Protein backbone atom coordinates (compact mmCIF):
# COMPACT_ATOMS: atom_id res chain seq x y z
CA MET A 1 -44.22 -31.60 -241.00
CA THR A 2 -45.21 -31.04 -237.38
CA ALA A 3 -42.80 -30.56 -234.51
CA TYR A 4 -43.83 -33.99 -233.23
CA GLU A 5 -42.93 -35.61 -236.56
CA ALA A 6 -39.60 -33.73 -236.67
CA MET A 7 -38.78 -34.89 -233.14
CA ILE A 8 -39.65 -38.54 -233.93
CA LYS A 9 -37.80 -38.59 -237.26
CA THR A 10 -34.69 -36.99 -235.78
CA ASN A 11 -34.60 -39.43 -232.90
CA HIS A 12 -35.15 -42.45 -235.14
CA HIS A 13 -32.36 -41.28 -237.46
CA LEU A 14 -29.95 -40.93 -234.53
CA ILE A 15 -31.06 -44.27 -232.95
CA LYS A 16 -30.21 -46.06 -236.20
CA GLY A 17 -26.72 -44.56 -236.06
CA GLY A 18 -27.27 -41.70 -238.44
CA THR A 19 -25.45 -38.40 -238.19
CA LEU A 20 -26.41 -34.76 -238.75
CA ASN A 21 -24.25 -31.82 -239.80
CA ASP A 22 -24.39 -28.46 -238.07
CA ALA A 23 -26.68 -26.99 -240.76
CA GLN A 24 -29.19 -29.80 -240.29
CA LYS A 25 -29.06 -29.45 -236.50
CA ALA A 26 -29.58 -25.68 -236.79
CA LYS A 27 -32.60 -26.25 -239.05
CA ILE A 28 -34.16 -28.75 -236.64
CA THR A 29 -33.41 -26.44 -233.71
CA ARG A 30 -35.19 -23.48 -235.37
CA PHE A 31 -38.18 -25.67 -236.16
CA LEU A 32 -38.50 -26.99 -232.59
CA LEU A 33 -37.97 -23.63 -230.94
CA ALA A 34 -40.79 -22.19 -233.07
CA GLU A 35 -43.11 -24.49 -231.08
CA LYS A 36 -42.00 -23.14 -227.71
CA GLU A 37 -44.97 -22.14 -225.54
CA LYS A 38 -47.27 -22.20 -228.54
CA ARG A 39 -49.97 -24.31 -226.88
CA LYS A 40 -51.57 -23.41 -223.59
CA TYR A 41 -53.51 -25.82 -221.41
CA THR A 42 -57.08 -24.99 -220.42
CA GLY A 43 -59.86 -26.41 -218.29
CA GLN A 44 -59.08 -29.48 -216.25
CA TRP A 45 -55.43 -29.46 -217.40
CA MET A 46 -54.93 -26.08 -215.67
CA GLU A 47 -56.15 -27.67 -212.44
CA ALA A 48 -53.21 -30.09 -212.61
CA ARG A 49 -50.80 -27.68 -214.24
CA THR A 50 -47.69 -29.21 -212.74
CA ALA A 51 -48.47 -32.53 -214.42
CA TYR A 52 -48.13 -31.11 -217.93
CA PRO A 53 -45.37 -29.45 -219.98
CA ILE A 54 -44.56 -25.76 -219.62
CA PHE A 55 -42.55 -25.18 -222.76
CA PHE A 56 -43.33 -27.81 -225.41
CA ALA A 57 -46.83 -29.28 -225.43
CA PRO A 58 -48.10 -31.22 -228.43
CA PRO A 59 -51.20 -30.07 -230.32
CA TYR A 60 -54.31 -31.42 -228.64
CA VAL A 61 -55.56 -34.69 -230.10
CA LYS A 62 -57.76 -37.29 -228.40
CA LYS A 63 -55.38 -40.05 -229.40
CA LYS A 64 -52.25 -40.01 -227.31
CA LEU A 65 -49.03 -39.52 -229.26
CA GLN A 66 -46.65 -42.44 -229.36
CA THR A 67 -43.23 -42.18 -227.75
CA VAL A 68 -39.95 -42.52 -229.62
CA VAL A 69 -39.62 -46.28 -228.99
CA PRO A 70 -42.62 -46.44 -229.86
CA ALA A 71 -44.88 -47.11 -226.90
CA SER A 72 -48.55 -46.18 -226.80
CA PRO A 73 -49.13 -44.19 -223.63
CA LYS A 74 -52.39 -44.74 -221.72
CA THR A 75 -52.56 -41.14 -220.61
CA HIS A 76 -51.81 -37.64 -221.87
CA ILE A 77 -49.58 -37.11 -218.79
CA PHE A 78 -47.14 -39.70 -220.06
CA ALA A 79 -47.48 -38.74 -223.76
CA ASP A 80 -47.20 -34.99 -223.31
CA ASN A 81 -44.29 -35.13 -220.90
CA ALA A 82 -42.38 -37.62 -223.09
CA TYR A 83 -42.87 -35.19 -226.02
CA GLU A 84 -41.43 -32.25 -224.11
CA PHE A 85 -38.52 -34.18 -222.67
CA GLU A 86 -37.43 -35.44 -226.09
CA ILE A 87 -37.39 -31.93 -227.50
CA LEU A 88 -35.37 -30.65 -224.52
CA ARG A 89 -32.92 -33.48 -225.04
CA LEU A 90 -32.41 -32.66 -228.70
CA LEU A 91 -31.86 -28.99 -227.87
CA GLN A 92 -29.35 -29.93 -225.19
CA LEU A 93 -27.59 -32.43 -227.47
CA PHE A 94 -27.30 -29.99 -230.38
CA SER A 95 -26.27 -27.17 -228.10
CA ALA A 96 -23.37 -29.28 -226.76
CA ASP A 97 -22.35 -30.23 -230.30
CA PHE A 98 -22.39 -26.57 -231.46
CA THR A 99 -20.24 -25.59 -228.46
CA LYS A 100 -17.79 -28.47 -229.05
CA ASN A 101 -17.44 -27.63 -232.76
CA GLY A 102 -17.09 -23.91 -232.17
CA THR A 103 -20.01 -23.29 -234.52
CA TYR A 104 -22.56 -22.09 -232.02
CA PRO A 105 -25.35 -20.31 -233.94
CA ASP A 106 -27.55 -17.57 -232.57
CA LEU A 107 -30.30 -20.06 -231.88
CA ILE A 108 -30.17 -21.60 -228.43
CA ASP A 109 -29.67 -19.31 -225.46
CA ARG A 110 -27.75 -21.61 -223.15
CA GLY A 111 -28.98 -19.72 -220.10
CA GLU A 112 -32.58 -20.11 -221.33
CA LEU A 113 -32.02 -23.82 -221.95
CA SER A 114 -30.80 -24.26 -218.37
CA ARG A 115 -33.81 -22.28 -217.14
CA MET A 116 -36.14 -24.64 -219.01
CA PHE A 117 -34.54 -27.68 -217.38
CA GLU A 118 -34.64 -26.04 -213.94
CA MET A 119 -38.28 -25.04 -214.22
CA THR A 120 -39.24 -28.45 -215.55
CA ALA A 121 -37.45 -30.15 -212.65
CA ALA A 122 -39.19 -27.85 -210.18
CA ARG A 123 -42.55 -28.63 -211.82
CA LEU A 124 -42.00 -32.39 -211.66
CA LYS A 125 -40.95 -32.27 -208.03
CA GLN A 126 -44.47 -31.06 -207.22
CA THR A 127 -46.08 -34.19 -208.72
CA CYS A 128 -46.75 -37.52 -207.08
CA PHE A 129 -45.49 -39.47 -210.09
CA GLY A 130 -42.42 -37.27 -210.54
CA TYR A 131 -41.00 -37.18 -207.04
CA GLN A 132 -43.10 -39.08 -204.50
CA SER A 133 -42.62 -42.52 -206.04
CA CYS A 134 -46.33 -43.01 -206.70
CA HIS A 135 -46.72 -46.06 -208.94
CA TYR A 136 -50.49 -46.58 -209.05
CA ALA A 137 -52.58 -46.47 -212.23
CA GLU A 138 -51.25 -43.84 -214.65
CA CYS A 139 -48.45 -42.77 -212.32
CA PHE A 140 -46.15 -45.73 -213.15
CA GLU A 141 -45.79 -44.85 -216.83
CA ALA A 142 -45.70 -41.11 -216.08
CA GLY A 143 -42.90 -41.81 -213.56
CA LEU A 144 -40.98 -43.61 -216.30
CA SER A 145 -41.06 -40.48 -218.44
CA VAL A 146 -39.64 -38.58 -215.47
CA LEU A 147 -36.78 -41.10 -215.30
CA ARG A 148 -36.09 -40.15 -218.91
CA PHE A 149 -35.97 -36.46 -218.01
CA VAL A 150 -33.69 -36.90 -215.02
CA SER A 151 -31.32 -39.16 -216.99
CA ILE A 152 -30.79 -36.50 -219.73
CA ASN A 153 -30.42 -33.50 -217.41
CA GLU A 154 -27.02 -31.98 -216.78
CA PRO A 155 -25.88 -32.56 -214.15
CA VAL A 156 -27.75 -35.75 -213.29
CA ASP A 157 -29.56 -35.65 -209.91
CA GLU A 158 -28.34 -39.01 -208.62
CA PRO A 159 -30.77 -39.38 -205.64
CA TRP A 160 -33.73 -38.53 -207.89
CA LEU A 161 -32.48 -40.88 -210.59
CA ASP A 162 -32.08 -43.71 -208.06
CA LYS A 163 -35.59 -43.07 -206.78
CA GLN A 164 -37.15 -43.39 -210.24
CA LEU A 165 -35.05 -46.46 -211.05
CA THR A 166 -36.13 -48.10 -207.78
CA MET A 167 -39.77 -47.37 -208.57
CA TYR A 168 -39.45 -49.07 -211.96
CA ASN A 169 -37.56 -52.13 -210.70
CA LYS A 170 -39.83 -52.59 -207.70
CA HIS A 171 -43.18 -52.15 -209.40
CA PHE A 172 -42.81 -53.19 -213.05
CA ALA A 173 -43.99 -56.71 -212.20
CA ASP A 174 -46.97 -55.54 -210.16
CA HIS A 175 -49.20 -55.74 -213.23
CA LYS A 176 -49.14 -57.08 -216.74
CA ARG A 177 -47.38 -54.33 -218.79
CA HIS A 178 -47.47 -53.62 -222.50
CA SER A 179 -44.16 -54.68 -224.07
CA GLY A 180 -43.61 -51.08 -225.16
CA VAL A 181 -43.20 -50.04 -221.50
CA GLN A 182 -40.21 -52.35 -221.06
CA LYS A 183 -38.68 -51.27 -224.35
CA TYR A 184 -39.12 -47.61 -223.33
CA PHE A 185 -37.08 -48.39 -220.24
CA TRP A 186 -34.39 -49.98 -222.38
CA PHE A 187 -34.46 -46.86 -224.56
CA ILE A 188 -33.73 -44.75 -221.48
CA LEU A 189 -30.85 -47.05 -220.55
CA SER A 190 -29.38 -46.81 -224.07
CA GLN A 191 -28.73 -43.07 -223.59
CA MET A 192 -28.42 -42.70 -219.80
CA PRO A 193 -24.91 -41.86 -218.47
CA TYR A 194 -23.09 -45.22 -218.45
CA GLU A 195 -22.16 -45.27 -214.76
CA TYR A 196 -25.87 -45.28 -213.89
CA ALA A 197 -27.02 -47.44 -216.84
CA GLU A 198 -24.50 -50.30 -216.52
CA PRO A 199 -26.01 -52.08 -213.46
CA GLN A 200 -29.46 -51.72 -214.90
CA ILE A 201 -28.42 -53.12 -218.28
CA LEU A 202 -26.75 -56.05 -216.58
CA ARG A 203 -30.06 -56.77 -214.84
CA GLN A 204 -31.89 -56.59 -218.17
CA ARG A 205 -29.22 -58.34 -220.21
CA ASP A 206 -30.85 -61.78 -220.57
CA ALA A 207 -34.25 -60.31 -221.34
CA ILE A 208 -32.78 -58.13 -224.10
CA VAL A 209 -30.79 -61.03 -225.60
CA GLU A 210 -33.92 -63.18 -225.54
CA GLN A 211 -35.90 -60.44 -227.34
CA LEU A 212 -33.20 -59.84 -229.94
CA SER A 213 -33.05 -63.56 -230.69
CA ARG A 214 -36.65 -63.53 -231.82
CA SER A 215 -37.96 -62.61 -235.24
CA PHE A 216 -40.33 -59.67 -235.70
CA LEU A 217 -43.24 -59.10 -238.04
CA ASN A 218 -41.72 -56.74 -240.56
CA ARG A 219 -44.65 -54.46 -241.38
CA ASP A 220 -43.58 -51.23 -243.12
CA GLY A 221 -40.46 -51.03 -240.96
CA GLY A 222 -42.61 -50.38 -237.90
CA CYS A 223 -40.71 -52.86 -235.71
CA GLU A 224 -37.21 -51.65 -236.58
CA ILE A 225 -36.78 -48.96 -233.89
CA PRO A 226 -37.24 -51.34 -230.90
CA VAL A 227 -34.63 -53.64 -232.47
CA TYR A 228 -32.15 -50.75 -232.81
CA VAL A 229 -32.91 -49.65 -229.23
CA MET A 230 -32.17 -53.13 -227.91
CA ARG A 231 -28.98 -53.28 -229.96
CA ASN A 232 -27.82 -49.89 -228.67
CA THR A 233 -28.60 -50.79 -225.06
CA LEU A 234 -26.87 -54.18 -225.12
CA ALA A 235 -23.86 -52.87 -227.08
CA ARG A 236 -22.99 -50.58 -224.18
CA LEU A 237 -21.70 -53.67 -222.33
CA PRO A 238 -18.12 -54.53 -223.29
CA GLU A 239 -19.05 -58.13 -224.11
CA PHE A 240 -21.54 -56.96 -226.73
CA GLU A 241 -19.63 -53.96 -228.11
CA HIS A 242 -19.09 -55.90 -231.33
CA ILE A 243 -22.80 -55.63 -232.26
CA LYS A 244 -23.00 -51.81 -232.04
CA ASN A 245 -22.96 -51.40 -235.85
CA ARG A 246 -24.81 -54.60 -236.73
CA GLN A 247 -28.00 -54.07 -238.73
CA PRO A 248 -31.30 -55.99 -238.47
CA PHE A 249 -32.12 -57.97 -241.62
CA THR A 250 -35.15 -59.51 -243.29
CA ASP A 251 -35.17 -63.31 -243.28
CA ALA A 252 -35.41 -64.51 -246.87
CA LYS A 253 -37.66 -67.45 -246.00
CA SER A 254 -40.06 -65.97 -243.47
CA GLY A 255 -39.97 -62.32 -244.46
CA ARG A 256 -39.63 -61.44 -240.79
CA LEU A 257 -37.11 -59.07 -239.28
CA ARG A 258 -34.21 -60.64 -237.41
CA PHE A 259 -31.06 -59.41 -235.64
CA PHE A 260 -29.19 -62.64 -234.83
C-alpha cells in the first residue's frame, strides 16, 4: 500500500463514521511519517517551488491523483497540495487524540508538526492562488485546496479563511465546473470549525438536499463517498441532525444508490 492509498482509505473510513483505536492510529502515523520529505521536486517544479508541497509530495505520475471526495484535479498544483494537506490533517487529528487519551506515543513531535503547518502557511502566502485571491485558470481549484488547509490549521486564520471563502463564492459560477469541485467544497465544510461552516452550509443547503434526493449509479461503491460527505455536511445543521447516522442504500428496483 502506498502512502496515498493509506491516506485515502483512512479518510474514507472516517467519513463513513468509522473509528480507529490508538494502535491503528499509531500504525498509520508511522506509515505516513515514513514518506516525509521522500520526494524532491526537480526541473520546472523547482522554478515554482512555493506552489508545491515541502513535506509530503506524492510519487510522480502523469495522471493527477484524485482527492478524497473524489474530485479529479486538472493540475498537479491542486492534486499535490491536496495530498499534503490531508496527511497533515490526519497527523494533527491523531496527535490531538493521543494527547486527549493520555497515550501519546513517541511518533509525532508536536513542535515539528507546528513547524510543518507554519512553513506550509508561509509557502502558500507567497503564491497567487494561496493568498492573492487569483481565480483564473488553474488557480481557482488550487485556491480551494488552500481553503482546506486554512480550515484545518490550529488556530484558524480567520481573515485568510474569509478571503478563500469569498473567492469560492464569488467565482464558482464564472465557468462551468466539474461536479467534483462543488462536492470538494462541501467536504471542506463538513470538517471546518462550525462557526465558520454554518453560514456557508446554509447557503448550500438546498443544493445539497437536491443532490441527496437523487439516485446515483452504484458502480463498485465509487459514488458512496460523495453521498457520505453530503450527509455529514448537511447533518451539521440542527434541522438535519437526525440524518447523521443514516446510511445510503441500494434501490431494489433500479439498483441505484439512494439516500432518501
